[in-house]
Amino acid sequence: MLTLSTQALYWVTVVLSNVGKFGISAAFAIIYVWSAELFPTQVRSSGIGSSSMMARVGGMVCPYIADLVSKAG
């Protein structure tokens, strides 16, 4: 039977968390640039500003929703 030491599991956790952080950063950069292409030129700045504002609101509300879900379950 294959047994993994705590040290080996630590490095797997570190590698996977860094891959996840890279993926999140890359997705944010790609979505930010791509969403600018979705809006017509006349309303591009308003569209990007509104999208960014709603993303920030979602980031602020997210912990409260996660707390509600954990208490309901």
PDB file of N, CA and C in Angstrom:
ATOM      1  N   MET A   1       0.836  -1.166   0.000  1.00  0.00           N
ATOM      2  CA  MET A   1       0.000   0.000   0.000  1.00  0.00           C
ATOM      3  C   MET A   1       0.892   1.243   0.000  1.00  0.00           C
ATOM      4  N   LEU A   2       0.515   2.236  -0.781  1.00  0.00           N
ATOM      5  CA  LEU A   2       1.273   3.467  -0.889  1.00  0.00           C
ATOM      6  C   LEU A   2       0.856   4.441   0.198  1.00  0.00           C
ATOM      7  N   THR A   3       1.821   4.870   0.968  1.00  0.00           N
ATOM      8  CA  THR A   3       1.524   5.858   1.997  1.00  0.00           C
ATOM      9  C   THR A   3       2.258   7.152   1.670  1.00  0.00           C
ATOM     10  N   LEU A   4       1.575   8.255   1.851  1.00  0.00           N
ATOM     11  CA  LEU A   4       2.172   9.560   1.608  1.00  0.00           C
ATOM     12  C   LEU A   4       2.494  10.220   2.937  1.00  0.00           C
ATOM     13  N   SER A   5       3.672  10.800   2.987  1.00  0.00           N
ATOM     14  CA  SER A   5       4.040  11.497   4.216  1.00  0.00           C
ATOM     15  C   SER A   5       3.356  12.858   4.267  1.00  0.00           C
ATOM     16  N   THR A   6       3.381  13.449   5.430  1.00  0.00           N
ATOM     17  CA  THR A   6       2.797  14.778   5.598  1.00  0.00           C
ATOM     18  C   THR A   6       3.543  15.804   4.763  1.00  0.00           C
ATOM     19  N   GLN A   7       4.858  15.640   4.629  1.00  0.00           N
ATOM     20  CA  GLN A   7       5.659  16.551   3.827  1.00  0.00           C
ATOM     21  C   GLN A   7       5.256  16.482   2.362  1.00  0.00           C
ATOM     22  N   ALA A   8       4.998  15.308   1.840  1.00  0.00           N
ATOM     23  CA  ALA A   8       4.583  15.162   0.439  1.00  0.00           C
ATOM     24  C   ALA A   8       3.215  15.786   0.233  1.00  0.00           C
ATOM     25  N   LEU A   9       2.305  15.612   1.161  1.00  0.00           N
ATOM     26  CA  LEU A   9       0.980  16.210   1.036  1.00  0.00           C
ATOM     27  C   LEU A   9       1.058  17.725   1.136  1.00  0.00           C
ATOM     28  N   TYR A  10       2.004  18.241   1.923  1.00  0.00           N
ATOM     29  CA  TYR A  10       2.191  19.680   2.030  1.00  0.00           C
ATOM     30  C   TYR A  10       2.572  20.268   0.679  1.00  0.00           C
ATOM     31  N   TRP A  11       3.508  19.655  -0.007  1.00  0.00           N
ATOM     32  CA  TRP A  11       3.942  20.191  -1.302  1.00  0.00           C
ATOM     33  C   TRP A  11       2.862  20.063  -2.359  1.00  0.00           C
ATOM     34  N   VAL A  12       2.055  19.028  -2.305  1.00  0.00           N
ATOM     35  CA  VAL A  12       0.937  18.906  -3.236  1.00  0.00           C
ATOM     36  C   VAL A  12      -0.052  20.041  -2.999  1.00  0.00           C
ATOM     37  N   THR A  13      -0.311  20.346  -1.749  1.00  0.00           N
ATOM     38  CA  THR A  13      -1.215  21.441  -1.411  1.00  0.00           C
ATOM     39  C   THR A  13      -0.669  22.776  -1.888  1.00  0.00           C
ATOM     40  N   VAL A  14       0.619  23.012  -1.694  1.00  0.00           N
ATOM     41  CA  VAL A  14       1.237  24.262  -2.120  1.00  0.00           C
ATOM     42  C   VAL A  14       1.178  24.408  -3.641  1.00  0.00           C
ATOM     43  N   VAL A  15       1.507  23.354  -4.356  1.00  0.00           N
ATOM     44  CA  VAL A  15       1.494  23.404  -5.826  1.00  0.00           C
ATOM     45  C   VAL A  15       0.079  23.631  -6.346  1.00  0.00           C
ATOM     46  N   LEU A  16      -0.881  22.914  -5.828  1.00  0.00           N
ATOM     47  CA  LEU A  16      -2.254  23.070  -6.311  1.00  0.00           C
ATOM     48  C   LEU A  16      -2.835  24.439  -5.959  1.00  0.00           C
ATOM     49  N   SER A  17      -2.486  24.973  -4.798  1.00  0.00           N
ATOM     50  CA  SER A  17      -2.994  26.297  -4.456  1.00  0.00           C
ATOM     51  C   SER A  17      -2.367  27.369  -5.351  1.00  0.00           C
ATOM     52  N   ASN A  18      -1.103  27.229  -5.703  1.00  0.00           N
ATOM     53  CA  ASN A  18      -0.476  28.190  -6.614  1.00  0.00           C
ATOM     54  C   ASN A  18      -1.034  28.082  -8.025  1.00  0.00           C
ATOM     55  N   VAL A  19      -1.326  26.886  -8.468  1.00  0.00           N
ATOM     56  CA  VAL A  19      -1.956  26.710  -9.778  1.00  0.00           C
ATOM     57  C   VAL A  19      -3.338  27.364  -9.775  1.00  0.00           C
ATOM     58  N   GLY A  20      -4.065  27.214  -8.686  1.00  0.00           N
ATOM     59  CA  GLY A  20      -5.382  27.845  -8.571  1.00  0.00           C
ATOM     60  C   GLY A  20      -5.296  29.357  -8.577  1.00  0.00           C
ATOM     61  N   LYS A  21      -4.317  29.907  -7.841  1.00  0.00           N
ATOM     62  CA  LYS A  21      -4.138  31.361  -7.826  1.00  0.00           C
ATOM     63  C   LYS A  21      -3.766  31.883  -9.209  1.00  0.00           C
ATOM     64  N   PHE A  22      -2.925  31.149  -9.925  1.00  0.00           N
ATOM     65  CA  PHE A  22      -2.570  31.543 -11.283  1.00  0.00           C
ATOM     66  C   PHE A  22      -3.791  31.514 -12.186  1.00  0.00           C
ATOM     67  N   GLY A  23      -4.608  30.480 -12.056  1.00  0.00           N
ATOM     68  CA  GLY A  23      -5.811  30.376 -12.878  1.00  0.00           C
ATOM     69  C   GLY A  23      -6.794  31.511 -12.612  1.00  0.00           C
ATOM     70  N   ILE A  24      -6.963  31.875 -11.366  1.00  0.00           N
ATOM     71  CA  ILE A  24      -7.865  32.970 -11.021  1.00  0.00           C
ATOM     72  C   ILE A  24      -7.349  34.287 -11.583  1.00  0.00           C
ATOM     73  N   SER A  25      -6.050  34.524 -11.458  1.00  0.00           N
ATOM     74  CA  SER A  25      -5.461  35.760 -11.988  1.00  0.00           C
ATOM     75  C   SER A  25      -5.576  35.824 -13.501  1.00  0.00           C
ATOM     76  N   ALA A  26      -5.316  34.708 -14.167  1.00  0.00           N
ATOM     77  CA  ALA A  26      -5.410  34.671 -15.625  1.00  0.00           C
ATOM     78  C   ALA A  26      -6.855  34.879 -16.080  1.00  0.00           C
ATOM     79  N   ALA A  27      -7.798  34.261 -15.390  1.00  0.00           N
ATOM     80  CA  ALA A  27      -9.207  34.423 -15.766  1.00  0.00           C
ATOM     81  C   ALA A  27      -9.656  35.861 -15.593  1.00  0.00           C
ATOM     82  N   PHE A  28      -9.228  36.513 -14.513  1.00  0.00           N
ATOM     83  CA  PHE A  28      -9.606  37.904 -14.300  1.00  0.00           C
ATOM     84  C   PHE A  28      -9.060  38.790 -15.417  1.00  0.00           C
ATOM     85  N   ALA A  29      -7.798  38.586 -15.786  1.00  0.00           N
ATOM     86  CA  ALA A  29      -7.189  39.407 -16.838  1.00  0.00           C
ATOM     87  C   ALA A  29      -7.879  39.182 -18.175  1.00  0.00           C
ATOM     88  N   ILE A  30      -8.189  37.942 -18.490  1.00  0.00           N
ATOM     89  CA  ILE A  30      -8.824  37.628 -19.773  1.00  0.00           C
ATOM     90  C   ILE A  30     -10.249  38.176 -19.811  1.00  0.00           C
ATOM     91  N   ILE A  31     -11.007  37.984 -18.762  1.00  0.00           N
ATOM     92  CA  ILE A  31     -12.395  38.441 -18.741  1.00  0.00           C
ATOM     93  C   ILE A  31     -12.475  39.961 -18.784  1.00  0.00           C
ATOM     94  N   TYR A  32     -11.558  40.627 -18.102  1.00  0.00           N
ATOM     95  CA  TYR A  32     -11.576  42.090 -18.088  1.00  0.00           C
ATOM     96  C   TYR A  32     -11.351  42.650 -19.495  1.00  0.00           C
ATOM     97  N   VAL A  33     -10.387  42.103 -20.220  1.00  0.00           N
ATOM     98  CA  VAL A  33     -10.113  42.569 -21.584  1.00  0.00           C
ATOM     99  C   VAL A  33     -11.237  42.146 -22.528  1.00  0.00           C
ATOM    100  N   TRP A  34     -11.730  40.917 -22.381  1.00  0.00           N
ATOM    101  CA  TRP A  34     -12.747  40.411 -23.289  1.00  0.00           C
ATOM    102  C   TRP A  34     -14.077  41.152 -23.098  1.00  0.00           C
ATOM    103  N   SER A  35     -14.404  41.491 -21.862  1.00  0.00           N
ATOM    104  CA  SER A  35     -15.666  42.192 -21.635  1.00  0.00           C
ATOM    105  C   SER A  35     -15.653  43.585 -22.249  1.00  0.00           C
ATOM    106  N   ALA A  36     -14.494  44.201 -22.371  1.00  0.00           N
ATOM    107  CA  ALA A  36     -14.416  45.510 -23.020  1.00  0.00           C
ATOM    108  C   ALA A  36     -14.805  45.415 -24.494  1.00  0.00           C
ATOM    109  N   GLU A  37     -14.567  44.280 -25.096  1.00  0.00           N
ATOM    110  CA  GLU A  37     -14.927  44.092 -26.504  1.00  0.00           C
ATOM    111  C   GLU A  37     -16.419  43.817 -26.692  1.00  0.00           C
ATOM    112  N   LEU A  38     -17.115  43.459 -25.640  1.00  0.00           N
ATOM    113  CA  LEU A  38     -18.540  43.146 -25.756  1.00  0.00           C
ATOM    114  C   LEU A  38     -19.409  44.391 -25.859  1.00  0.00           C
ATOM    115  N   PHE A  39     -18.943  45.485 -25.261  1.00  0.00           N
ATOM    116  CA  PHE A  39     -19.737  46.702 -25.241  1.00  0.00           C
ATOM    117  C   PHE A  39     -19.437  47.556 -26.470  1.00  0.00           C
ATOM    118  N   PRO A  40     -20.453  48.213 -27.022  1.00  0.00           N
ATOM    119  CA  PRO A  40     -20.200  49.152 -28.120  1.00  0.00           C
ATOM    120  C   PRO A  40     -19.312  50.309 -27.648  1.00  0.00           C
ATOM    121  N   THR A  41     -18.644  50.942 -28.582  1.00  0.00           N
ATOM    122  CA  THR A  41     -17.681  51.991 -28.243  1.00  0.00           C
ATOM    123  C   THR A  41     -18.321  53.133 -27.461  1.00  0.00           C
ATOM    124  N   GLN A  42     -19.547  53.498 -27.776  1.00  0.00           N
ATOM    125  CA  GLN A  42     -20.187  54.639 -27.135  1.00  0.00           C
ATOM    126  C   GLN A  42     -20.455  54.408 -25.647  1.00  0.00           C
ATOM    127  N   VAL A  43     -20.671  53.189 -25.241  1.00  0.00           N
ATOM    128  CA  VAL A  43     -21.015  52.901 -23.842  1.00  0.00           C
ATOM    129  C   VAL A  43     -19.969  52.022 -23.156  1.00  0.00           C
ATOM    130  N   ARG A  44     -18.802  51.898 -23.745  1.00  0.00           N
ATOM    131  CA  ARG A  44     -17.786  50.978 -23.221  1.00  0.00           C
ATOM    132  C   ARG A  44     -17.354  51.357 -21.812  1.00  0.00           C
ATOM    133  N   SER A  45     -17.054  52.620 -21.572  1.00  0.00           N
ATOM    134  CA  SER A  45     -16.571  52.994 -20.239  1.00  0.00           C
ATOM    135  C   SER A  45     -17.663  52.826 -19.186  1.00  0.00           C
ATOM    136  N   SER A  46     -18.892  53.148 -19.530  1.00  0.00           N
ATOM    137  CA  SER A  46     -19.994  52.943 -18.580  1.00  0.00           C
ATOM    138  C   SER A  46     -20.231  51.464 -18.331  1.00  0.00           C
ATOM    139  N   GLY A  47     -20.136  50.660 -19.370  1.00  0.00           N
ATOM    140  CA  GLY A  47     -20.335  49.220 -19.216  1.00  0.00           C
ATOM    141  C   GLY A  47     -19.264  48.567 -18.374  1.00  0.00           C
ATOM    142  N   ILE A  48     -18.010  48.940 -18.616  1.00  0.00           N
ATOM    143  CA  ILE A  48     -16.915  48.378 -17.821  1.00  0.00           C
ATOM    144  C   ILE A  48     -17.022  48.862 -16.376  1.00  0.00           C
ATOM    145  N   GLY A  49     -17.359  50.130 -16.182  1.00  0.00           N
ATOM    146  CA  GLY A  49     -17.513  50.651 -14.821  1.00  0.00           C
ATOM    147  C   GLY A  49     -18.638  49.968 -14.067  1.00  0.00           C
ATOM    148  N   SER A  50     -19.757  49.760 -14.731  1.00  0.00           N
ATOM    149  CA  SER A  50     -20.894  49.081 -14.095  1.00  0.00           C
ATOM    150  C   SER A  50     -20.562  47.628 -13.770  1.00  0.00           C
ATOM    151  N   SER A  51     -19.892  46.967 -14.698  1.00  0.00           N
ATOM    152  CA  SER A  51     -19.500  45.576 -14.463  1.00  0.00           C
ATOM    153  C   SER A  51     -18.529  45.475 -13.301  1.00  0.00           C
ATOM    154  N   SER A  52     -17.565  46.384 -13.240  1.00  0.00           N
ATOM    155  CA  SER A  52     -16.596  46.372 -12.152  1.00  0.00           C
ATOM    156  C   SER A  52     -17.276  46.654 -10.814  1.00  0.00           C
ATOM    157  N   MET A  53     -18.219  47.588 -10.807  1.00  0.00           N
ATOM    158  CA  MET A  53     -18.932  47.899  -9.575  1.00  0.00           C
ATOM    159  C   MET A  53     -19.724  46.690  -9.082  1.00  0.00           C
ATOM    160  N   MET A  54     -20.415  46.007  -9.981  1.00  0.00           N
ATOM    161  CA  MET A  54     -21.195  44.845  -9.573  1.00  0.00           C
ATOM    162  C   MET A  54     -20.294  43.707  -9.100  1.00  0.00           C
ATOM    163  N   ALA A  55     -19.098  43.584  -9.693  1.00  0.00           N
ATOM    164  CA  ALA A  55     -18.154  42.567  -9.236  1.00  0.00           C
ATOM    165  C   ALA A  55     -17.699  42.867  -7.814  1.00  0.00           C
ATOM    166  N   ARG A  56     -17.469  44.134  -7.508  1.00  0.00           N
ATOM    167  CA  ARG A  56     -17.060  44.516  -6.157  1.00  0.00           C
ATOM    168  C   ARG A  56     -18.191  44.300  -5.159  1.00  0.00           C
ATOM    169  N   VAL A  57     -19.415  44.603  -5.555  1.00  0.00           N
ATOM    170  CA  VAL A  57     -20.568  44.350  -4.682  1.00  0.00           C
ATOM    171  C   VAL A  57     -20.709  42.852  -4.425  1.00  0.00           C
ATOM    172  N   GLY A  58     -20.536  42.060  -5.471  1.00  0.00           N
ATOM    173  CA  GLY A  58     -20.589  40.609  -5.303  1.00  0.00           C
ATOM    174  C   GLY A  58     -19.508  40.095  -4.376  1.00  0.00           C
ATOM    175  N   GLY A  59     -18.314  40.678  -4.466  1.00  0.00           N
ATOM    176  CA  GLY A  59     -17.227  40.292  -3.573  1.00  0.00           C
ATOM    177  C   GLY A  59     -17.510  40.642  -2.121  1.00  0.00           C
ATOM    178  N   MET A  60     -18.230  41.745  -1.902  1.00  0.00           N
ATOM    179  CA  MET A  60     -18.570  42.133  -0.530  1.00  0.00           C
ATOM    180  C   MET A  60     -19.702  41.273   0.032  1.00  0.00           C
ATOM    181  N   VAL A  61     -20.629  40.872  -0.809  1.00  0.00           N
ATOM    182  CA  VAL A  61     -21.803  40.117  -0.358  1.00  0.00           C
ATOM    183  C   VAL A  61     -21.493  38.621  -0.218  1.00  0.00           C
ATOM    184  N   CYS A  62     -20.499  38.143  -0.931  1.00  0.00           N
ATOM    185  CA  CYS A  62     -20.192  36.715  -0.969  1.00  0.00           C
ATOM    186  C   CYS A  62     -19.999  36.077   0.415  1.00  0.00           C
ATOM    187  N   PRO A  63     -19.233  36.655   1.329  1.00  0.00           N
ATOM    188  CA  PRO A  63     -19.083  36.007   2.646  1.00  0.00           C
ATOM    189  C   PRO A  63     -20.398  35.876   3.411  1.00  0.00           C
ATOM    190  N   TYR A  64     -21.268  36.850   3.246  1.00  0.00           N
ATOM    191  CA  TYR A  64     -22.550  36.783   3.947  1.00  0.00           C
ATOM    192  C   TYR A  64     -23.439  35.681   3.373  1.00  0.00           C
ATOM    193  N   ILE A  65     -23.419  35.526   2.068  1.00  0.00           N
ATOM    194  CA  ILE A  65     -24.204  34.466   1.445  1.00  0.00           C
ATOM    195  C   ILE A  65     -23.643  33.094   1.821  1.00  0.00           C
ATOM    196  N   ALA A  66     -22.314  32.966   1.844  1.00  0.00           N
ATOM    197  CA  ALA A  66     -21.707  31.699   2.255  1.00  0.00           C
ATOM    198  C   ALA A  66     -22.063  31.373   3.701  1.00  0.00           C
ATOM    199  N   ASP A  67     -22.120  32.394   4.549  1.00  0.00           N
ATOM    200  CA  ASP A  67     -22.498  32.173   5.945  1.00  0.00           C
ATOM    201  C   ASP A  67     -23.954  31.722   6.046  1.00  0.00           C
ATOM    202  N   LEU A  68     -24.826  32.334   5.260  1.00  0.00           N
ATOM    203  CA  LEU A  68     -26.242  31.938   5.273  1.00  0.00           C
ATOM    204  C   LEU A  68     -26.418  30.491   4.786  1.00  0.00           C
ATOM    205  N   VAL A  69     -25.676  30.130   3.763  1.00  0.00           N
ATOM    206  CA  VAL A  69     -25.787  28.781   3.220  1.00  0.00           C
ATOM    207  C   VAL A  69     -25.282  27.749   4.240  1.00  0.00           C
ATOM    208  N   SER A  70     -24.189  28.081   4.925  1.00  0.00           N
ATOM    209  CA  SER A  70     -23.659  27.129   5.904  1.00  0.00           C
ATOM    210  C   SER A  70     -24.596  26.963   7.105  1.00  0.00           C
ATOM    211  N   LYS A  71     -25.322  28.020   7.467  1.00  0.00           N
ATOM    212  CA  LYS A  71     -26.257  27.924   8.582  1.00  0.00           C
ATOM    213  C   LYS A  71     -27.540  27.223   8.187  1.00  0.00           C
ATOM    214  N   ALA A  72     -27.932  27.326   6.898  1.00  0.00           N
ATOM    215  CA  ALA A  72     -29.168  26.695   6.440  1.00  0.00           C
ATOM    216  C   ALA A  72     -28.993  25.182   6.277  1.00  0.00           C
ATOM    217  N   GLY A  73     -27.777  24.743   5.980  1.00  0.00           N
ATOM    218  CA  GLY A  73     -27.526  23.325   5.682  1.00  0.00           C
ATOM    219  C   GLY A  73     -27.280  22.508   6.840  1.00  0.00           C
TER     220      GLY A  73
END
